[in-house]
Amino acid sequence: MMFTGKTVLITGGAQGIGKAIAERFSNLNAKIYIFDLKNLENIDSDRNIHYIQGDVSQNNDVTDFVNHVMNLDGQIDIVVNNAGIIRDAAIWNMAEADFDAVINVNLKGPWLICRAVAPIMRKQKSGRIINIASRSWLGNFGQSNYSSSKGGLVSLTRVLALELAKSNVTVNAVSPGLIDTEMTRSMPPEIFESFVQKPGKKPGKPQDIASAVTFLASEDSQFINGQILQVDGGKSIGAGH
């Protein structure tokens, strides 16, 4: 499974799951462009990994990013929509601004990216889009914004799979369970540990998601389309919290 000569776009790739995905593709000889809101000036750059700062929820930023990559490489082969944020609270305590922020980054962002790259992939007659959903799309207390955004991303995945199939473009999603990242460690420790308990008593690693993503981006998955791959240690089979 090598990606020599392939151009990969990854949103939210400065840390956590996105960083692990970028490193995996780099090890497999792909050329990677990371699009992240973080200030990337002090991040060490790999020879295959290029960082571009911008806001995935802003159409102008997304358009400039995609155009920049096309001007440099003339192709976009793989897109990983990974950027995401959380703003948890029970609905009676949730600010409207926190609902809007999560929907804008987690759902509108992937929609903007896909809208920008779809014409390119259709013209190429090839492409892979992998959306990073979440086990939370099945529903979590205190995540009416986050769960809704990930549920919407699952639906978006299925729609785009239908719309792009004739162009030899597949669109799939990876749905992580609890993965040990900076974002999940921002939970109160007792909450984090309560999620760890079922069913395997350990969190996943970012590398577990990277492995699933590179599989879905590879030729080995060419007949897999519109699917949601649960990478959650079994949490989605009835051991929910």
C-alpha atoms as a PDB file:
ATOM      1  CA  MET A   1       0.000   0.000   0.000  1.00  0.00           C
ATOM      2  CA  MET A   2       1.975   2.959  -1.315  1.00  0.00           C
ATOM      3  CA  PHE A   3       0.821   6.420  -2.407  1.00  0.00           C
ATOM      4  CA  THR A   4       3.768   7.567  -4.508  1.00  0.00           C
ATOM      5  CA  GLY A   5       2.697  10.446  -6.753  1.00  0.00           C
ATOM      6  CA  LYS A   6      -0.550  11.019  -4.847  1.00  0.00           C
ATOM      7  CA  THR A   7      -1.580  14.397  -3.411  1.00  0.00           C
ATOM      8  CA  VAL A   8      -3.448  14.262  -0.100  1.00  0.00           C
ATOM      9  CA  LEU A   9      -5.412  17.074   1.584  1.00  0.00           C
ATOM     10  CA  ILE A  10      -5.999  16.776   5.333  1.00  0.00           C
ATOM     11  CA  THR A  11      -7.960  19.279   7.398  1.00  0.00           C
ATOM     12  CA  GLY A  12      -7.118  19.694  11.080  1.00  0.00           C
ATOM     13  CA  GLY A  13      -3.830  17.869  10.691  1.00  0.00           C
ATOM     14  CA  ALA A  14      -1.644  19.767  13.137  1.00  0.00           C
ATOM     15  CA  GLN A  15      -2.199  17.378  16.047  1.00  0.00           C
ATOM     16  CA  GLY A  16      -3.985  14.254  17.236  1.00  0.00           C
ATOM     17  CA  ILE A  17      -5.738  12.055  14.688  1.00  0.00           C
ATOM     18  CA  GLY A  18      -5.001  14.388  11.781  1.00  0.00           C
ATOM     19  CA  LYS A  19      -1.291  14.435  12.533  1.00  0.00           C
ATOM     20  CA  ALA A  20      -1.189  10.625  12.734  1.00  0.00           C
ATOM     21  CA  ILE A  21      -2.982  10.393   9.378  1.00  0.00           C
ATOM     22  CA  ALA A  22      -0.511  12.811   7.785  1.00  0.00           C
ATOM     23  CA  GLU A  23       2.469  10.897   9.141  1.00  0.00           C
ATOM     24  CA  ARG A  24       1.068   7.591   7.868  1.00  0.00           C
ATOM     25  CA  PHE A  25       0.548   8.968   4.356  1.00  0.00           C
ATOM     26  CA  SER A  26       4.014  10.536   4.437  1.00  0.00           C
ATOM     27  CA  ASN A  27       5.553   7.187   5.353  1.00  0.00           C
ATOM     28  CA  LEU A  28       3.740   5.753   2.325  1.00  0.00           C
ATOM     29  CA  ASN A  29       5.313   8.362   0.006  1.00  0.00           C
ATOM     30  CA  ALA A  30       2.310  10.649  -0.522  1.00  0.00           C
ATOM     31  CA  LYS A  31       2.582  14.431  -0.743  1.00  0.00           C
ATOM     32  CA  ILE A  32       0.435  15.972   2.000  1.00  0.00           C
ATOM     33  CA  TYR A  33      -1.101  19.404   2.432  1.00  0.00           C
ATOM     34  CA  ILE A  34      -2.446  20.106   5.919  1.00  0.00           C
ATOM     35  CA  PHE A  35      -5.071  22.823   6.335  1.00  0.00           C
ATOM     36  CA  ASP A  36      -5.462  23.940   9.942  1.00  0.00           C
ATOM     37  CA  LEU A  37      -6.560  26.988  11.927  1.00  0.00           C
ATOM     38  CA  LYS A  38      -3.583  26.565  14.263  1.00  0.00           C
ATOM     39  CA  ASN A  39      -0.575  28.837  13.910  1.00  0.00           C
ATOM     40  CA  LEU A  40       1.732  26.453  12.097  1.00  0.00           C
ATOM     41  CA  GLU A  41       4.915  28.529  11.993  1.00  0.00           C
ATOM     42  CA  ASN A  42       6.656  26.528  14.709  1.00  0.00           C
ATOM     43  CA  ILE A  43       5.630  23.059  13.537  1.00  0.00           C
ATOM     44  CA  ASP A  44       8.456  20.943  12.130  1.00  0.00           C
ATOM     45  CA  SER A  45       7.707  20.143   8.510  1.00  0.00           C
ATOM     46  CA  ASP A  46       8.405  16.812   6.884  1.00  0.00           C
ATOM     47  CA  ARG A  47       9.680  16.901   3.307  1.00  0.00           C
ATOM     48  CA  ASN A  48       6.322  15.455   2.185  1.00  0.00           C
ATOM     49  CA  ILE A  49       4.082  17.487   4.521  1.00  0.00           C
ATOM     50  CA  HIS A  50       3.167  21.109   3.860  1.00  0.00           C
ATOM     51  CA  TYR A  51       1.149  23.270   6.284  1.00  0.00           C
ATOM     52  CA  ILE A  52      -1.302  25.961   5.232  1.00  0.00           C
ATOM     53  CA  GLN A  53      -3.190  28.024   7.801  1.00  0.00           C
ATOM     54  CA  GLY A  54      -6.877  28.745   7.323  1.00  0.00           C
ATOM     55  CA  ASP A  55     -10.413  28.306   8.606  1.00  0.00           C
ATOM     56  CA  VAL A  56     -12.250  25.309   7.187  1.00  0.00           C
ATOM     57  CA  SER A  57     -15.618  26.949   7.900  1.00  0.00           C
ATOM     58  CA  GLN A  58     -14.824  29.970   5.687  1.00  0.00           C
ATOM     59  CA  ASN A  59     -15.462  29.542   1.974  1.00  0.00           C
ATOM     60  CA  ASN A  60     -12.774  32.020   0.886  1.00  0.00           C
ATOM     61  CA  ASP A  61     -10.116  30.226   2.948  1.00  0.00           C
ATOM     62  CA  VAL A  62     -11.146  26.839   1.570  1.00  0.00           C
ATOM     63  CA  THR A  63     -11.178  28.092  -2.022  1.00  0.00           C
ATOM     64  CA  ASP A  64      -7.745  29.691  -1.641  1.00  0.00           C
ATOM     65  CA  PHE A  65      -6.365  26.474  -0.115  1.00  0.00           C
ATOM     66  CA  VAL A  66      -7.660  24.213  -2.878  1.00  0.00           C
ATOM     67  CA  ASN A  67      -6.536  26.625  -5.599  1.00  0.00           C
ATOM     68  CA  HIS A  68      -3.081  26.853  -4.002  1.00  0.00           C
ATOM     69  CA  VAL A  69      -2.679  23.070  -4.055  1.00  0.00           C
ATOM     70  CA  MET A  70      -3.879  22.850  -7.657  1.00  0.00           C
ATOM     71  CA  ASN A  71      -1.462  25.577  -8.731  1.00  0.00           C
ATOM     72  CA  LEU A  72       1.413  23.637  -7.168  1.00  0.00           C
ATOM     73  CA  ASP A  73       0.487  20.038  -8.021  1.00  0.00           C
ATOM     74  CA  GLY A  74      -2.306  20.136 -10.612  1.00  0.00           C
ATOM     75  CA  GLN A  75      -4.120  17.252  -8.913  1.00  0.00           C
ATOM     76  CA  ILE A  76      -5.922  16.262  -5.727  1.00  0.00           C
ATOM     77  CA  ASP A  77      -6.193  12.528  -5.217  1.00  0.00           C
ATOM     78  CA  ILE A  78      -7.267  12.049  -1.604  1.00  0.00           C
ATOM     79  CA  VAL A  79      -9.128  14.287   0.828  1.00  0.00           C
ATOM     80  CA  VAL A  80      -9.446  13.600   4.559  1.00  0.00           C
ATOM     81  CA  ASN A  81     -11.978  15.812   6.346  1.00  0.00           C
ATOM     82  CA  ASN A  82     -10.674  15.547   9.887  1.00  0.00           C
ATOM     83  CA  ALA A  83     -11.020  19.046  11.421  1.00  0.00           C
ATOM     84  CA  GLY A  84     -13.408  19.074  14.369  1.00  0.00           C
ATOM     85  CA  ILE A  85     -14.173  20.815  17.648  1.00  0.00           C
ATOM     86  CA  ILE A  86     -16.294  20.080  20.728  1.00  0.00           C
ATOM     87  CA  ARG A  87     -18.364  22.459  22.867  1.00  0.00           C
ATOM     88  CA  ASP A  88     -20.237  20.079  25.186  1.00  0.00           C
ATOM     89  CA  ALA A  89     -23.202  20.936  27.398  1.00  0.00           C
ATOM     90  CA  ALA A  90     -26.724  19.700  28.000  1.00  0.00           C
ATOM     91  CA  ILE A  91     -29.055  21.476  25.598  1.00  0.00           C
ATOM     92  CA  TRP A  92     -30.565  23.667  28.341  1.00  0.00           C
ATOM     93  CA  ASN A  93     -27.070  24.977  29.117  1.00  0.00           C
ATOM     94  CA  MET A  94     -25.744  25.186  25.558  1.00  0.00           C
ATOM     95  CA  ALA A  95     -25.152  28.614  24.040  1.00  0.00           C
ATOM     96  CA  GLU A  96     -26.346  29.170  20.502  1.00  0.00           C
ATOM     97  CA  ALA A  97     -22.826  30.270  19.590  1.00  0.00           C
ATOM     98  CA  ASP A  98     -21.459  26.882  20.699  1.00  0.00           C
ATOM     99  CA  PHE A  99     -23.998  25.060  18.544  1.00  0.00           C
ATOM    100  CA  ASP A 100     -23.125  27.214  15.526  1.00  0.00           C
ATOM    101  CA  ALA A 101     -19.364  26.856  16.000  1.00  0.00           C
ATOM    102  CA  VAL A 102     -19.479  23.048  16.091  1.00  0.00           C
ATOM    103  CA  ILE A 103     -21.805  22.752  13.104  1.00  0.00           C
ATOM    104  CA  ASN A 104     -19.698  25.228  11.108  1.00  0.00           C
ATOM    105  CA  VAL A 105     -16.405  23.404  11.648  1.00  0.00           C
ATOM    106  CA  ASN A 106     -17.581  19.782  11.781  1.00  0.00           C
ATOM    107  CA  LEU A 107     -20.229  19.798   9.042  1.00  0.00           C
ATOM    108  CA  LYS A 108     -20.073  22.963   6.960  1.00  0.00           C
ATOM    109  CA  GLY A 109     -16.283  22.663   6.739  1.00  0.00           C
ATOM    110  CA  PRO A 110     -16.313  19.214   5.099  1.00  0.00           C
ATOM    111  CA  TRP A 111     -19.145  20.357   2.827  1.00  0.00           C
ATOM    112  CA  LEU A 112     -17.088  23.348   1.670  1.00  0.00           C
ATOM    113  CA  ILE A 113     -14.003  21.214   1.082  1.00  0.00           C
ATOM    114  CA  CYS A 114     -15.988  18.598  -0.846  1.00  0.00           C
ATOM    115  CA  ARG A 115     -17.731  21.236  -2.930  1.00  0.00           C
ATOM    116  CA  ALA A 116     -14.335  22.661  -3.887  1.00  0.00           C
ATOM    117  CA  VAL A 117     -12.664  19.344  -4.770  1.00  0.00           C
ATOM    118  CA  ALA A 118     -15.622  17.563  -6.406  1.00  0.00           C
ATOM    119  CA  PRO A 119     -15.197  19.271  -9.822  1.00  0.00           C
ATOM    120  CA  ILE A 120     -11.474  18.450  -9.754  1.00  0.00           C
ATOM    121  CA  MET A 121     -12.027  14.778  -8.976  1.00  0.00           C
ATOM    122  CA  ARG A 122     -14.844  14.534 -11.507  1.00  0.00           C
ATOM    123  CA  LYS A 123     -12.518  15.898 -14.202  1.00  0.00           C
ATOM    124  CA  GLN A 124      -9.751  13.509 -13.129  1.00  0.00           C
ATOM    125  CA  LYS A 125     -12.208  10.596 -13.099  1.00  0.00           C
ATOM    126  CA  SER A 126     -10.645   9.468  -9.829  1.00  0.00           C
ATOM    127  CA  GLY A 127     -10.446  10.324  -6.149  1.00  0.00           C
ATOM    128  CA  ARG A 128     -10.962   9.259  -2.572  1.00  0.00           C
ATOM    129  CA  ILE A 129     -12.767  11.260   0.111  1.00  0.00           C
ATOM    130  CA  ILE A 130     -12.640  10.039   3.702  1.00  0.00           C
ATOM    131  CA  ASN A 131     -14.644  11.878   6.351  1.00  0.00           C
ATOM    132  CA  ILE A 132     -13.786  11.504  10.027  1.00  0.00           C
ATOM    133  CA  ALA A 133     -17.137  11.046  11.747  1.00  0.00           C
ATOM    134  CA  SER A 134     -17.517   9.786  15.329  1.00  0.00           C
ATOM    135  CA  ARG A 135     -19.242   7.097  17.279  1.00  0.00           C
ATOM    136  CA  SER A 136     -21.100  10.087  18.771  1.00  0.00           C
ATOM    137  CA  TRP A 137     -23.287  10.309  15.660  1.00  0.00           C
ATOM    138  CA  LEU A 138     -25.317   7.575  17.385  1.00  0.00           C
ATOM    139  CA  GLY A 139     -25.998  10.028  20.231  1.00  0.00           C
ATOM    140  CA  ASN A 140     -24.225  11.176  23.388  1.00  0.00           C
ATOM    141  CA  PHE A 141     -25.592  13.084  26.375  1.00  0.00           C
ATOM    142  CA  GLY A 142     -24.407  16.682  26.301  1.00  0.00           C
ATOM    143  CA  GLN A 143     -23.474  16.616  22.633  1.00  0.00           C
ATOM    144  CA  SER A 144     -26.569  17.818  20.793  1.00  0.00           C
ATOM    145  CA  ASN A 145     -24.267  19.971  18.650  1.00  0.00           C
ATOM    146  CA  TYR A 146     -21.409  17.490  18.154  1.00  0.00           C
ATOM    147  CA  SER A 147     -23.603  14.432  17.605  1.00  0.00           C
ATOM    148  CA  SER A 148     -25.737  16.394  15.150  1.00  0.00           C
ATOM    149  CA  SER A 149     -22.667  17.527  13.241  1.00  0.00           C
ATOM    150  CA  LYS A 150     -21.315  13.988  12.977  1.00  0.00           C
ATOM    151  CA  GLY A 151     -24.723  12.579  12.066  1.00  0.00           C
ATOM    152  CA  GLY A 152     -24.883  15.179   9.318  1.00  0.00           C
ATOM    153  CA  LEU A 153     -21.403  14.156   8.178  1.00  0.00           C
ATOM    154  CA  VAL A 154     -22.539  10.536   7.899  1.00  0.00           C
ATOM    155  CA  SER A 155     -25.462  11.644   5.718  1.00  0.00           C
ATOM    156  CA  LEU A 156     -23.164  13.869   3.643  1.00  0.00           C
ATOM    157  CA  THR A 157     -20.870  10.883   3.092  1.00  0.00           C
ATOM    158  CA  ARG A 158     -23.720   8.791   1.735  1.00  0.00           C
ATOM    159  CA  VAL A 159     -25.038  11.545  -0.538  1.00  0.00           C
ATOM    160  CA  LEU A 160     -21.617  12.318  -2.028  1.00  0.00           C
ATOM    161  CA  ALA A 161     -20.961   8.620  -2.585  1.00  0.00           C
ATOM    162  CA  LEU A 162     -24.043   8.574  -4.807  1.00  0.00           C
ATOM    163  CA  GLU A 163     -23.227  11.816  -6.576  1.00  0.00           C
ATOM    164  CA  LEU A 164     -19.573  11.001  -7.360  1.00  0.00           C
ATOM    165  CA  ALA A 165     -19.665   7.252  -7.993  1.00  0.00           C
ATOM    166  CA  LYS A 166     -19.894   7.614 -11.786  1.00  0.00           C
ATOM    167  CA  SER A 167     -16.683   9.642 -11.724  1.00  0.00           C
ATOM    168  CA  ASN A 168     -14.740   6.814 -10.048  1.00  0.00           C
ATOM    169  CA  VAL A 169     -14.641   8.754  -6.782  1.00  0.00           C
ATOM    170  CA  THR A 170     -15.439   6.935  -3.543  1.00  0.00           C
ATOM    171  CA  VAL A 171     -16.633   8.667  -0.389  1.00  0.00           C
ATOM    172  CA  ASN A 172     -16.482   6.850   2.932  1.00  0.00           C
ATOM    173  CA  ALA A 173     -16.270   7.739   6.619  1.00  0.00           C
ATOM    174  CA  VAL A 174     -14.313   6.468   9.582  1.00  0.00           C
ATOM    175  CA  SER A 175     -16.216   6.637  12.854  1.00  0.00           C
ATOM    176  CA  PRO A 176     -13.779   6.634  15.798  1.00  0.00           C
ATOM    177  CA  GLY A 177     -14.701   5.732  19.322  1.00  0.00           C
ATOM    178  CA  LEU A 178     -12.706   7.159  22.218  1.00  0.00           C
ATOM    179  CA  ILE A 179      -9.244   7.984  20.904  1.00  0.00           C
ATOM    180  CA  ASP A 180      -6.514   9.202  23.225  1.00  0.00           C
ATOM    181  CA  THR A 181      -5.803  12.718  21.901  1.00  0.00           C
ATOM    182  CA  GLU A 182      -5.325  16.205  23.299  1.00  0.00           C
ATOM    183  CA  MET A 183      -8.977  16.980  22.558  1.00  0.00           C
ATOM    184  CA  THR A 184     -10.378  13.967  24.441  1.00  0.00           C
ATOM    185  CA  ARG A 185      -7.931  14.509  27.304  1.00  0.00           C
ATOM    186  CA  SER A 186      -9.501  17.948  27.754  1.00  0.00           C
ATOM    187  CA  MET A 187     -12.480  16.140  29.309  1.00  0.00           C
ATOM    188  CA  PRO A 188     -12.592  15.929  33.101  1.00  0.00           C
ATOM    189  CA  PRO A 189     -10.488  12.855  34.019  1.00  0.00           C
ATOM    190  CA  GLU A 190     -13.413  10.999  35.574  1.00  0.00           C
ATOM    191  CA  ILE A 191     -15.463  11.425  32.387  1.00  0.00           C
ATOM    192  CA  PHE A 192     -12.582  10.223  30.210  1.00  0.00           C
ATOM    193  CA  GLU A 193     -12.106   7.144  32.395  1.00  0.00           C
ATOM    194  CA  SER A 194     -15.827   6.351  32.345  1.00  0.00           C
ATOM    195  CA  PHE A 195     -15.721   6.216  28.540  1.00  0.00           C
ATOM    196  CA  VAL A 196     -12.657   3.959  28.660  1.00  0.00           C
ATOM    197  CA  GLN A 197     -14.383   1.281  30.735  1.00  0.00           C
ATOM    198  CA  LYS A 198     -16.604  -0.236  28.037  1.00  0.00           C
ATOM    199  CA  PRO A 199     -16.106  -2.636  26.382  1.00  0.00           C
ATOM    200  CA  GLY A 200     -12.338  -3.061  25.997  1.00  0.00           C
ATOM    201  CA  LYS A 201     -11.136  -0.950  28.936  1.00  0.00           C
ATOM    202  CA  LYS A 202      -8.691   1.033  26.802  1.00  0.00           C
ATOM    203  CA  PRO A 203      -8.891   3.998  24.417  1.00  0.00           C
ATOM    204  CA  GLY A 204      -7.830   3.785  20.818  1.00  0.00           C
ATOM    205  CA  LYS A 205      -4.734   5.454  19.393  1.00  0.00           C
ATOM    206  CA  PRO A 206      -4.597   8.011  16.580  1.00  0.00           C
ATOM    207  CA  GLN A 207      -2.635   5.444  14.588  1.00  0.00           C
ATOM    208  CA  ASP A 208      -5.685   3.134  14.660  1.00  0.00           C
ATOM    209  CA  ILE A 209      -7.646   5.750  12.730  1.00  0.00           C
ATOM    210  CA  ALA A 210      -4.739   6.436  10.375  1.00  0.00           C
ATOM    211  CA  SER A 211      -4.654   2.753   9.431  1.00  0.00           C
ATOM    212  CA  ALA A 212      -8.360   2.768   8.592  1.00  0.00           C
ATOM    213  CA  VAL A 213      -8.048   5.956   6.547  1.00  0.00           C
ATOM    214  CA  THR A 214      -5.128   4.744   4.444  1.00  0.00           C
ATOM    215  CA  PHE A 215      -7.003   1.512   3.736  1.00  0.00           C
ATOM    216  CA  LEU A 216     -10.045   3.431   2.482  1.00  0.00           C
ATOM    217  CA  ALA A 217      -7.753   5.628   0.365  1.00  0.00           C
ATOM    218  CA  SER A 218      -6.017   2.644  -1.215  1.00  0.00           C
ATOM    219  CA  GLU A 219      -6.797   0.568  -4.292  1.00  0.00           C
ATOM    220  CA  ASP A 220      -7.707  -2.287  -1.950  1.00  0.00           C
ATOM    221  CA  SER A 221     -10.942  -0.437  -1.122  1.00  0.00           C
ATOM    222  CA  GLN A 222     -11.989   0.513  -4.663  1.00  0.00           C
ATOM    223  CA  PHE A 223     -15.375  -1.249  -4.371  1.00  0.00           C
ATOM    224  CA  ILE A 224     -16.203   0.219  -0.947  1.00  0.00           C
ATOM    225  CA  ASN A 225     -18.358   3.324  -1.227  1.00  0.00           C
ATOM    226  CA  GLY A 226     -20.734   5.231   1.048  1.00  0.00           C
ATOM    227  CA  GLN A 227     -19.783   3.179   4.091  1.00  0.00           C
ATOM    228  CA  ILE A 228     -19.192   4.105   7.727  1.00  0.00           C
ATOM    229  CA  LEU A 229     -16.285   2.157   9.212  1.00  0.00           C
ATOM    230  CA  GLN A 230     -16.593   1.981  12.990  1.00  0.00           C
ATOM    231  CA  VAL A 231     -13.163   2.045  14.646  1.00  0.00           C
ATOM    232  CA  ASP A 232     -14.280   2.111  18.237  1.00  0.00           C
ATOM    233  CA  GLY A 233     -13.159  -1.049  20.010  1.00  0.00           C
ATOM    234  CA  GLY A 234     -16.723  -2.370  19.871  1.00  0.00           C
ATOM    235  CA  LYS A 235     -18.461   0.564  21.577  1.00  0.00           C
ATOM    236  CA  SER A 236     -21.073   0.853  18.822  1.00  0.00           C
ATOM    237  CA  ILE A 237     -22.321  -2.730  19.280  1.00  0.00           C
ATOM    238  CA  GLY A 238     -24.318  -2.024  22.400  1.00  0.00           C
ATOM    239  CA  ALA A 239     -21.768  -0.988  24.997  1.00  0.00           C
ATOM    240  CA  GLY A 240     -22.615   2.695  24.728  1.00  0.00           C
ATOM    241  CA  HIS A 241     -22.324   5.168  27.584  1.00  0.00           C
END
